Amino acid sequence: MTTRRLYYDDAFEKEFTARVMHCEVLPPDLNAGITGTVWGLLLDRTAFYPTSGGQPNDLGRIGDANVLDVRDEGDEILHLVDRKPSDPDVNGCIHWPRRFDHMQQHTGQHLLSAMFHERFGLPTVSFHLGTEICTIDLQGPEPTEQILEGAERAANQIIFEDRPVNVRYGTAEQLVELGVRKEVERKGILRAIEIEGADLQPCGGTHVKSTGQIGLVLVRRCTKVRQDWRVEFVCGGRASRAARHDFQLLRQTAEKLSSAPEDIVASALRAIAERDANFKMLRALQERLAETEAALALQAAPHGANGSRVFSRVFEGVPADYLGFFGTAFAKAEKAIALLATAEDGHLLFAQHPSAGKDMNALLKQVLEEAGGKGGGTRDFARGRLKDGAAAGRALSLAKEMLAAE
């Protein structure tokens, strides 16, 4: 049986009547987010668009059943619904906001792809219509900012001219004679979407009636994806929401930086420079403080039987880098060993003067094997981190016991 696709000729048909030709119970489909039992319906005619060609399926109702998914089964369209219709003769109703959004995005994609191809020689090799963002993958050299802006501006100029968008039918050969953008090798009669004076492209999707209904095309960004370039864009209502969101972010950021929106880049660069300068100053002060504390600790550390001096401490309220500054300064003294940790996040640092004759890397690994964590280093300097920061005191006690046992 072949399902008549009403959306082929009129994508604005929101309601329709049909007859259920087949109905069967289907198991849950977790991959599609369907966790319960569903019914699969085949109708003699439908306005519901199935997932195909980068465009998601329509949603809505068939009779008193909710449409959960629509799938293209070749000549047939399969509708997945949450209950069995009570009558074989049904009324269908499309969820129009979702459908019209998809129409704006899809026609906008045709127009934007045509501009990239015609003006800059960058053909589109794939299209995806997402819930928030649409993407096209372009083949060729990296599009510059000027190319991205140029394609967007050219597309919007055609939108503002409100050109007709028509459905054409013909063989592949006939469409080539009409100037189709991308040739196809399929046999039989093909459906194509024509944007008057701008584009002709084979397509089975739903589209607006004129370019003015696209509203606006807004290019967001471009990134490298394998050998191609992925361009993110939005159209119509999505473009309006994205522009409003961008402005709100810009205004809020400008307020945080105490600047006008037009001065935000200069203000941000100034703030980054100040942050970097403060970071360097903080590191220098931390290093000086660590050297002073290490000198005091060295004076207070008792001498062991072999002349070694072992200092152990769990620091509170200091960054992990501070352990490195302290350990380096302490281990400059003959036979000095520093066993250090941070209380908040369980960082460990073991350091020694080479004359101490121990192996800090081996010691750290033994401690972490007992206390849990990961780390490593050299014979004189080793870093690690505990799985549980609360075990820092126990870890240092273990290290002192292991040193004493050697």
Protein backbone atom coordinates (compact mmCIF):
# COMPACT_ATOMS: atom_id res chain seq x y z
CA MET A 1 0.00 0.00 0.00
CA THR A 2 1.23 3.52 -0.80
CA THR A 3 0.48 6.34 1.63
CA ARG A 4 -0.53 9.57 -0.08
CA ARG A 5 1.70 12.34 1.30
CA LEU A 6 -0.46 15.45 1.58
CA TYR A 7 2.46 17.63 2.66
CA TYR A 8 4.07 17.16 -0.76
CA ASP A 9 1.64 19.63 -2.31
CA ASP A 10 0.47 21.64 0.71
CA ALA A 11 2.69 21.90 3.75
CA PHE A 12 0.17 24.30 5.33
CA GLU A 13 -2.52 21.60 5.65
CA LYS A 14 -2.85 21.38 9.44
CA GLU A 15 -5.85 19.03 9.67
CA PHE A 16 -6.94 16.13 7.47
CA THR A 17 -9.15 13.07 7.36
CA ALA A 18 -7.86 9.57 6.65
CA ARG A 19 -8.66 5.90 6.99
CA VAL A 20 -6.62 3.46 9.06
CA MET A 21 -5.49 0.71 6.70
CA HIS A 22 -3.44 -1.26 9.22
CA CYS A 23 -2.93 -1.18 13.00
CA GLU A 24 -0.57 -3.31 15.08
CA VAL A 25 0.90 -3.29 18.59
CA LEU A 26 4.62 -2.50 18.66
CA PRO A 27 7.14 -3.00 21.50
CA PRO A 28 8.86 -0.08 23.25
CA ASP A 29 11.70 1.62 21.34
CA LEU A 30 14.20 2.96 23.87
CA ASN A 31 16.41 4.43 21.15
CA ALA A 32 13.50 6.66 20.13
CA GLY A 33 12.60 7.48 23.74
CA ILE A 34 9.46 5.33 23.64
CA THR A 35 9.29 3.32 26.87
CA GLY A 36 5.75 1.94 26.71
CA THR A 37 3.66 -0.07 24.30
CA VAL A 38 2.66 1.80 21.14
CA TRP A 39 0.46 1.20 18.13
CA GLY A 40 1.74 1.48 14.58
CA LEU A 41 -0.77 2.95 12.12
CA LEU A 42 -0.72 2.96 8.35
CA LEU A 43 -3.14 5.50 6.84
CA ASP A 44 -4.33 5.86 3.26
CA ARG A 45 -3.26 9.54 3.35
CA THR A 46 -1.36 11.70 5.81
CA ALA A 47 -0.13 15.23 6.42
CA PHE A 48 2.41 14.00 9.00
CA TYR A 49 6.01 14.36 7.86
CA PRO A 50 8.33 11.44 8.80
CA THR A 51 11.92 11.88 9.92
CA SER A 52 13.91 12.15 6.70
CA GLY A 53 16.58 14.19 4.96
CA GLY A 54 17.86 15.84 8.13
CA GLN A 55 14.37 17.07 9.15
CA PRO A 56 12.65 15.61 12.26
CA ASN A 57 9.15 14.18 12.14
CA ASP A 58 5.92 16.01 12.90
CA LEU A 59 3.93 15.50 16.10
CA GLY A 60 0.22 15.93 16.77
CA ARG A 61 -2.88 13.77 17.13
CA ILE A 62 -4.71 11.10 15.15
CA GLY A 63 -8.21 10.80 16.54
CA ASP A 64 -7.81 10.72 20.32
CA ALA A 65 -4.26 9.30 20.11
CA ASN A 66 -1.02 11.27 20.48
CA VAL A 67 1.49 10.83 17.67
CA LEU A 68 4.86 9.89 19.20
CA ASP A 69 6.89 9.28 16.04
CA VAL A 70 6.47 9.19 12.26
CA ARG A 71 8.68 6.96 10.13
CA ASP A 72 9.28 6.61 6.42
CA GLU A 73 8.86 2.94 5.43
CA GLY A 74 9.43 3.37 1.71
CA ASP A 75 6.04 3.75 0.06
CA GLU A 76 4.32 3.79 3.44
CA ILE A 77 4.33 6.21 6.36
CA LEU A 78 4.22 4.54 9.79
CA HIS A 79 2.63 6.56 12.62
CA LEU A 80 3.48 5.52 16.19
CA VAL A 81 0.66 6.48 18.57
CA ASP A 82 0.00 5.95 22.28
CA ARG A 83 -3.42 4.28 21.85
CA LYS A 84 -5.48 2.41 19.31
CA PRO A 85 -7.97 4.61 17.44
CA SER A 86 -11.58 3.81 18.28
CA ASP A 87 -12.70 4.21 14.65
CA PRO A 88 -10.99 3.39 11.34
CA ASP A 89 -11.99 6.79 9.96
CA VAL A 90 -9.85 9.35 11.78
CA ASN A 91 -9.08 13.04 11.88
CA GLY A 92 -5.44 14.07 11.96
CA CYS A 93 -4.11 17.29 13.45
CA ILE A 94 -0.53 18.54 13.05
CA HIS A 95 1.25 20.27 15.95
CA TRP A 96 1.59 23.48 13.97
CA PRO A 97 4.25 25.45 15.93
CA ARG A 98 6.69 22.55 15.52
CA ARG A 99 5.82 22.07 11.82
CA PHE A 100 6.15 25.77 10.95
CA ASP A 101 9.46 26.02 12.81
CA HIS A 102 10.78 23.09 10.78
CA MET A 103 9.53 24.73 7.58
CA GLN A 104 11.35 27.98 8.39
CA GLN A 105 14.58 26.13 9.18
CA HIS A 106 14.43 23.85 6.12
CA THR A 107 13.66 26.52 3.53
CA GLY A 108 16.22 28.77 5.20
CA GLN A 109 18.77 26.00 4.82
CA HIS A 110 18.04 25.66 1.08
CA LEU A 111 18.53 29.39 0.64
CA LEU A 112 21.69 29.63 2.76
CA SER A 113 23.24 26.58 1.05
CA ALA A 114 22.46 28.12 -2.33
CA MET A 115 24.26 31.33 -1.38
CA PHE A 116 27.34 29.48 -0.14
CA HIS A 117 27.40 27.44 -3.35
CA GLU A 118 26.58 30.14 -5.89
CA ARG A 119 28.64 33.01 -4.47
CA PHE A 120 31.55 31.24 -2.77
CA GLY A 121 31.80 27.79 -4.40
CA LEU A 122 31.13 25.91 -1.14
CA PRO A 123 28.66 23.03 -1.69
CA THR A 124 26.60 21.61 1.17
CA VAL A 125 27.21 17.90 1.80
CA SER A 126 24.88 17.38 4.79
CA PHE A 127 22.13 19.09 6.78
CA HIS A 128 20.81 18.57 10.31
CA LEU A 129 17.76 20.26 11.82
CA GLY A 130 18.19 20.12 15.60
CA THR A 131 15.89 21.17 18.42
CA GLU A 132 17.83 24.40 18.99
CA ILE A 133 20.45 24.75 16.24
CA CYS A 134 20.59 23.76 12.57
CA THR A 135 23.82 22.85 10.81
CA ILE A 136 25.11 22.42 7.28
CA ASP A 137 28.47 20.87 6.42
CA LEU A 138 30.33 22.70 3.66
CA GLN A 139 32.99 21.15 1.44
CA GLY A 140 36.02 23.20 0.50
CA PRO A 141 38.38 25.73 2.12
CA GLU A 142 37.56 27.28 5.49
CA PRO A 143 34.86 29.96 5.18
CA THR A 144 36.18 33.27 6.44
CA GLU A 145 34.12 35.66 8.55
CA GLN A 146 33.57 37.70 5.39
CA ILE A 147 32.19 34.63 3.56
CA LEU A 148 29.90 33.69 6.46
CA GLU A 149 28.57 37.23 6.68
CA GLY A 150 28.28 37.51 2.89
CA ALA A 151 26.21 34.31 2.58
CA GLU A 152 23.97 35.40 5.46
CA ARG A 153 23.46 38.87 4.00
CA ALA A 154 22.65 37.50 0.53
CA ALA A 155 20.15 35.01 1.97
CA ASN A 156 18.41 37.69 4.02
CA GLN A 157 18.19 40.00 1.01
CA ILE A 158 16.19 37.31 -0.80
CA ILE A 159 14.06 36.79 2.30
CA PHE A 160 13.23 40.50 2.40
CA GLU A 161 12.23 40.34 -1.28
CA ASP A 162 9.59 37.73 -0.31
CA ARG A 163 10.16 35.55 -3.37
CA PRO A 164 7.78 32.64 -4.10
CA VAL A 165 8.77 29.14 -3.02
CA ASN A 166 7.30 26.57 -5.41
CA VAL A 167 7.08 22.79 -5.65
CA ARG A 168 8.30 21.33 -8.96
CA TYR A 169 8.05 17.78 -10.28
CA GLY A 170 10.16 16.18 -13.00
CA THR A 171 12.73 13.56 -13.87
CA ALA A 172 16.36 14.00 -12.91
CA GLU A 173 17.12 15.01 -16.50
CA GLN A 174 14.35 17.61 -16.56
CA LEU A 175 15.53 19.11 -13.28
CA VAL A 176 19.08 19.37 -14.64
CA GLU A 177 17.73 21.36 -17.58
CA LEU A 178 16.00 23.68 -15.10
CA GLY A 179 19.31 24.31 -13.30
CA VAL A 180 19.08 22.09 -10.22
CA ARG A 181 21.77 22.88 -7.62
CA LYS A 182 22.60 19.27 -6.77
CA GLU A 183 22.06 16.52 -9.30
CA VAL A 184 20.59 13.19 -8.21
CA GLU A 185 20.62 9.82 -9.93
CA ARG A 186 17.22 8.54 -8.78
CA LYS A 187 14.77 7.32 -11.42
CA GLY A 188 11.18 8.36 -11.92
CA ILE A 189 9.44 11.61 -11.04
CA LEU A 190 11.23 13.66 -8.40
CA ARG A 191 9.97 16.47 -6.21
CA ALA A 192 12.03 19.65 -6.01
CA ILE A 193 11.75 22.95 -4.13
CA GLU A 194 12.28 26.11 -6.14
CA ILE A 195 13.12 29.46 -4.56
CA GLU A 196 12.36 31.80 -7.44
CA GLY A 197 15.56 33.05 -9.07
CA ALA A 198 17.76 31.62 -6.33
CA ASP A 199 17.63 27.83 -5.96
CA LEU A 200 16.21 24.56 -7.23
CA GLN A 201 16.85 21.51 -5.12
CA PRO A 202 15.31 17.98 -5.00
CA CYS A 203 13.66 17.60 -1.59
CA GLY A 204 10.81 15.74 0.07
CA GLY A 205 10.55 18.06 3.08
CA THR A 206 8.05 20.69 4.18
CA HIS A 207 8.65 24.31 3.15
CA VAL A 208 7.16 27.79 3.41
CA LYS A 209 5.29 29.42 0.51
CA SER A 210 7.52 32.46 0.18
CA THR A 211 10.95 33.50 1.44
CA GLY A 212 9.43 36.22 3.64
CA GLN A 213 7.96 33.46 5.83
CA ILE A 214 11.51 32.33 6.70
CA GLY A 215 11.75 35.56 8.68
CA LEU A 216 15.54 35.79 9.03
CA VAL A 217 18.67 33.68 8.68
CA LEU A 218 21.27 34.08 11.42
CA VAL A 219 24.65 32.34 11.06
CA ARG A 220 26.07 31.48 14.48
CA ARG A 221 29.54 29.96 14.04
CA CYS A 222 31.72 27.68 11.92
CA THR A 223 33.87 24.76 13.12
CA LYS A 224 36.03 22.08 11.50
CA VAL A 225 34.40 18.63 11.37
CA ARG A 226 36.68 16.01 9.84
CA GLN A 227 37.39 17.26 6.29
CA ASP A 228 34.42 19.66 6.12
CA TRP A 229 33.24 22.90 7.77
CA ARG A 230 30.13 22.85 9.96
CA VAL A 231 28.10 26.06 9.90
CA GLU A 232 25.55 26.58 12.67
CA PHE A 233 22.52 28.74 11.88
CA VAL A 234 18.95 29.47 12.94
CA CYS A 235 15.96 30.93 11.10
CA GLY A 236 12.67 32.66 11.86
CA GLY A 237 11.47 32.46 15.44
CA ARG A 238 14.70 30.74 16.48
CA ALA A 239 16.74 33.62 15.05
CA SER A 240 14.64 36.12 16.99
CA ARG A 241 15.07 34.21 20.24
CA ALA A 242 18.81 33.73 19.66
CA ALA A 243 19.32 37.44 18.94
CA ARG A 244 17.38 38.40 22.08
CA HIS A 245 19.37 35.91 24.17
CA ASP A 246 22.66 37.19 22.73
CA PHE A 247 21.72 40.78 23.55
CA GLN A 248 20.75 39.87 27.11
CA LEU A 249 24.09 38.12 27.62
CA LEU A 250 25.92 41.10 26.12
CA ARG A 251 24.05 43.56 28.34
CA GLN A 252 24.58 41.47 31.50
CA THR A 253 28.29 41.05 30.72
CA ALA A 254 28.66 44.75 30.06
CA GLU A 255 27.04 45.51 33.42
CA LYS A 256 29.46 43.15 35.19
CA LEU A 257 32.39 44.88 33.48
CA SER A 258 30.93 48.35 34.16
CA SER A 259 31.13 49.22 30.48
CA ALA A 260 28.87 50.04 27.54
CA PRO A 261 27.94 47.06 25.32
CA GLU A 262 29.99 48.49 22.45
CA ASP A 263 33.09 48.64 24.70
CA ILE A 264 32.79 45.10 26.03
CA VAL A 265 35.74 43.66 24.06
CA ALA A 266 38.14 46.34 25.28
CA SER A 267 36.82 45.96 28.83
CA ALA A 268 37.20 42.18 28.71
CA LEU A 269 40.78 42.44 27.41
CA ARG A 270 41.58 44.89 30.19
CA ALA A 271 40.06 42.57 32.80
CA ILE A 272 42.05 39.61 31.44
CA ALA A 273 45.28 41.62 31.55
CA GLU A 274 44.57 42.62 35.16
CA ARG A 275 43.75 39.01 36.07
CA ASP A 276 47.00 37.75 34.56
CA ALA A 277 49.02 40.41 36.36
CA ASN A 278 47.31 39.60 39.67
CA PHE A 279 47.89 35.90 39.12
CA LYS A 280 51.61 36.43 38.60
CA MET A 281 51.77 38.64 41.68
CA LEU A 282 49.86 36.08 43.76
CA ARG A 283 52.19 33.26 42.71
CA ALA A 284 55.21 35.38 43.59
CA LEU A 285 53.76 36.19 47.02
CA GLN A 286 52.84 32.55 47.62
CA GLU A 287 56.37 31.49 46.74
CA ARG A 288 57.88 34.05 49.12
CA LEU A 289 55.49 33.01 51.90
CA ALA A 290 56.26 29.34 51.31
CA GLU A 291 60.00 30.01 51.53
CA THR A 292 59.53 31.84 54.82
CA GLU A 293 57.31 29.12 56.29
CA ALA A 294 59.70 26.43 55.08
CA ALA A 295 62.63 28.17 56.78
CA LEU A 296 60.70 28.31 60.07
CA ALA A 297 59.64 24.67 59.72
CA LEU A 298 63.22 23.64 59.03
CA GLN A 299 64.39 25.31 62.23
CA ALA A 300 61.70 23.54 64.26
CA ALA A 301 62.11 20.10 62.67
CA PRO A 302 63.98 17.68 64.96
CA HIS A 303 67.00 15.75 63.69
CA GLY A 304 66.58 12.02 63.33
CA ALA A 305 69.09 9.33 64.22
CA ASN A 306 70.77 9.58 60.82
CA GLY A 307 70.64 13.36 60.78
CA SER A 308 67.51 13.57 58.61
CA ARG A 309 64.78 16.13 59.30
CA VAL A 310 61.21 15.09 58.44
CA PHE A 311 58.44 17.67 58.36
CA SER A 312 54.77 16.66 57.96
CA ARG A 313 51.77 18.97 57.65
CA VAL A 314 48.22 19.07 56.29
CA PHE A 315 47.68 22.62 54.99
CA GLU A 316 44.26 24.27 55.07
CA GLY A 317 43.07 27.02 52.76
CA VAL A 318 45.99 26.90 50.31
CA PRO A 319 46.09 25.90 46.61
CA ALA A 320 47.89 22.74 45.52
CA ASP A 321 50.69 24.84 43.97
CA TYR A 322 51.62 26.06 47.44
CA LEU A 323 52.74 22.54 48.36
CA GLY A 324 55.22 22.68 45.49
CA PHE A 325 56.65 26.02 46.61
CA PHE A 326 56.96 24.83 50.23
CA GLY A 327 58.36 21.41 49.39
CA THR A 328 60.96 22.83 47.00
CA ALA A 329 62.15 25.38 49.58
CA PHE A 330 62.23 22.85 52.45
CA ALA A 331 64.07 20.18 50.46
CA LYS A 332 66.97 22.52 49.71
CA ALA A 333 68.39 21.69 53.15
CA GLU A 334 70.67 18.64 53.67
CA LYS A 335 68.74 15.43 54.50
CA ALA A 336 65.39 17.31 54.62
CA ILE A 337 62.14 15.47 53.83
CA ALA A 338 58.75 17.19 53.42
CA LEU A 339 55.46 15.24 53.57
CA LEU A 340 52.68 17.65 52.65
CA ALA A 341 48.95 17.57 51.91
CA THR A 342 45.95 19.87 51.43
CA ALA A 343 42.90 19.32 53.64
CA GLU A 344 40.25 20.45 51.15
CA ASP A 345 41.06 18.36 48.07
CA GLY A 346 43.56 15.73 49.19
CA HIS A 347 46.59 16.79 47.16
CA LEU A 348 49.85 15.16 48.32
CA LEU A 349 53.46 16.21 47.79
CA PHE A 350 56.55 14.33 48.99
CA ALA A 351 59.94 16.05 48.52
CA GLN A 352 63.47 15.39 49.76
CA HIS A 353 67.03 16.60 49.47
CA PRO A 354 68.99 13.92 47.52
CA SER A 355 71.20 13.37 50.56
CA ALA A 356 68.20 12.01 52.49
CA GLY A 357 68.58 8.84 50.44
CA LYS A 358 64.91 7.86 50.25
CA ASP A 359 62.60 7.29 47.25
CA MET A 360 59.67 9.72 47.28
CA ASN A 361 58.00 8.17 44.22
CA ALA A 362 58.00 4.68 45.75
CA LEU A 363 56.83 6.08 49.09
CA LEU A 364 53.93 7.95 47.46
CA LYS A 365 52.80 4.87 45.55
CA GLN A 366 52.82 2.78 48.74
CA VAL A 367 50.75 5.40 50.56
CA LEU A 368 48.24 5.72 47.71
CA GLU A 369 47.92 1.96 47.52
CA GLU A 370 46.82 1.99 51.15
CA ALA A 371 44.82 5.23 51.23
CA GLY A 372 43.48 5.26 47.66
CA GLY A 373 44.44 7.71 44.93
CA LYS A 374 46.75 8.33 42.00
CA GLY A 375 50.11 10.02 41.50
CA GLY A 376 53.79 9.67 40.78
CA GLY A 377 57.02 11.54 40.20
CA THR A 378 60.77 11.19 40.65
CA ARG A 379 62.96 9.83 43.42
CA ASP A 380 63.19 13.28 45.03
CA PHE A 381 59.84 14.86 44.16
CA ALA A 382 56.41 13.19 43.80
CA ARG A 383 52.82 14.46 43.62
CA GLY A 384 49.50 12.69 44.01
CA ARG A 385 45.86 13.08 44.95
CA LEU A 386 43.72 11.07 47.31
CA LYS A 387 40.28 9.81 46.34
CA ASP A 388 39.03 11.13 49.68
CA GLY A 389 40.46 14.48 50.81
CA ALA A 390 39.46 13.69 54.39
CA ALA A 391 42.14 10.95 54.42
CA ALA A 392 45.01 13.47 54.12
CA GLY A 393 46.06 13.19 57.79
CA ARG A 394 46.01 9.40 57.68
CA ALA A 395 48.04 9.40 54.45
CA LEU A 396 50.82 11.51 56.02
CA SER A 397 50.85 9.30 59.11
CA LEU A 398 51.28 6.26 56.89
CA ALA A 399 54.15 7.96 55.06
CA LYS A 400 55.96 8.76 58.34
CA GLU A 401 55.50 5.19 59.56
CA MET A 402 56.87 3.78 56.31
CA LEU A 403 59.89 6.09 56.46
CA ALA A 404 60.59 5.10 60.06
CA ALA A 405 60.39 1.42 59.14
CA GLU A 406 63.06 1.67 56.43
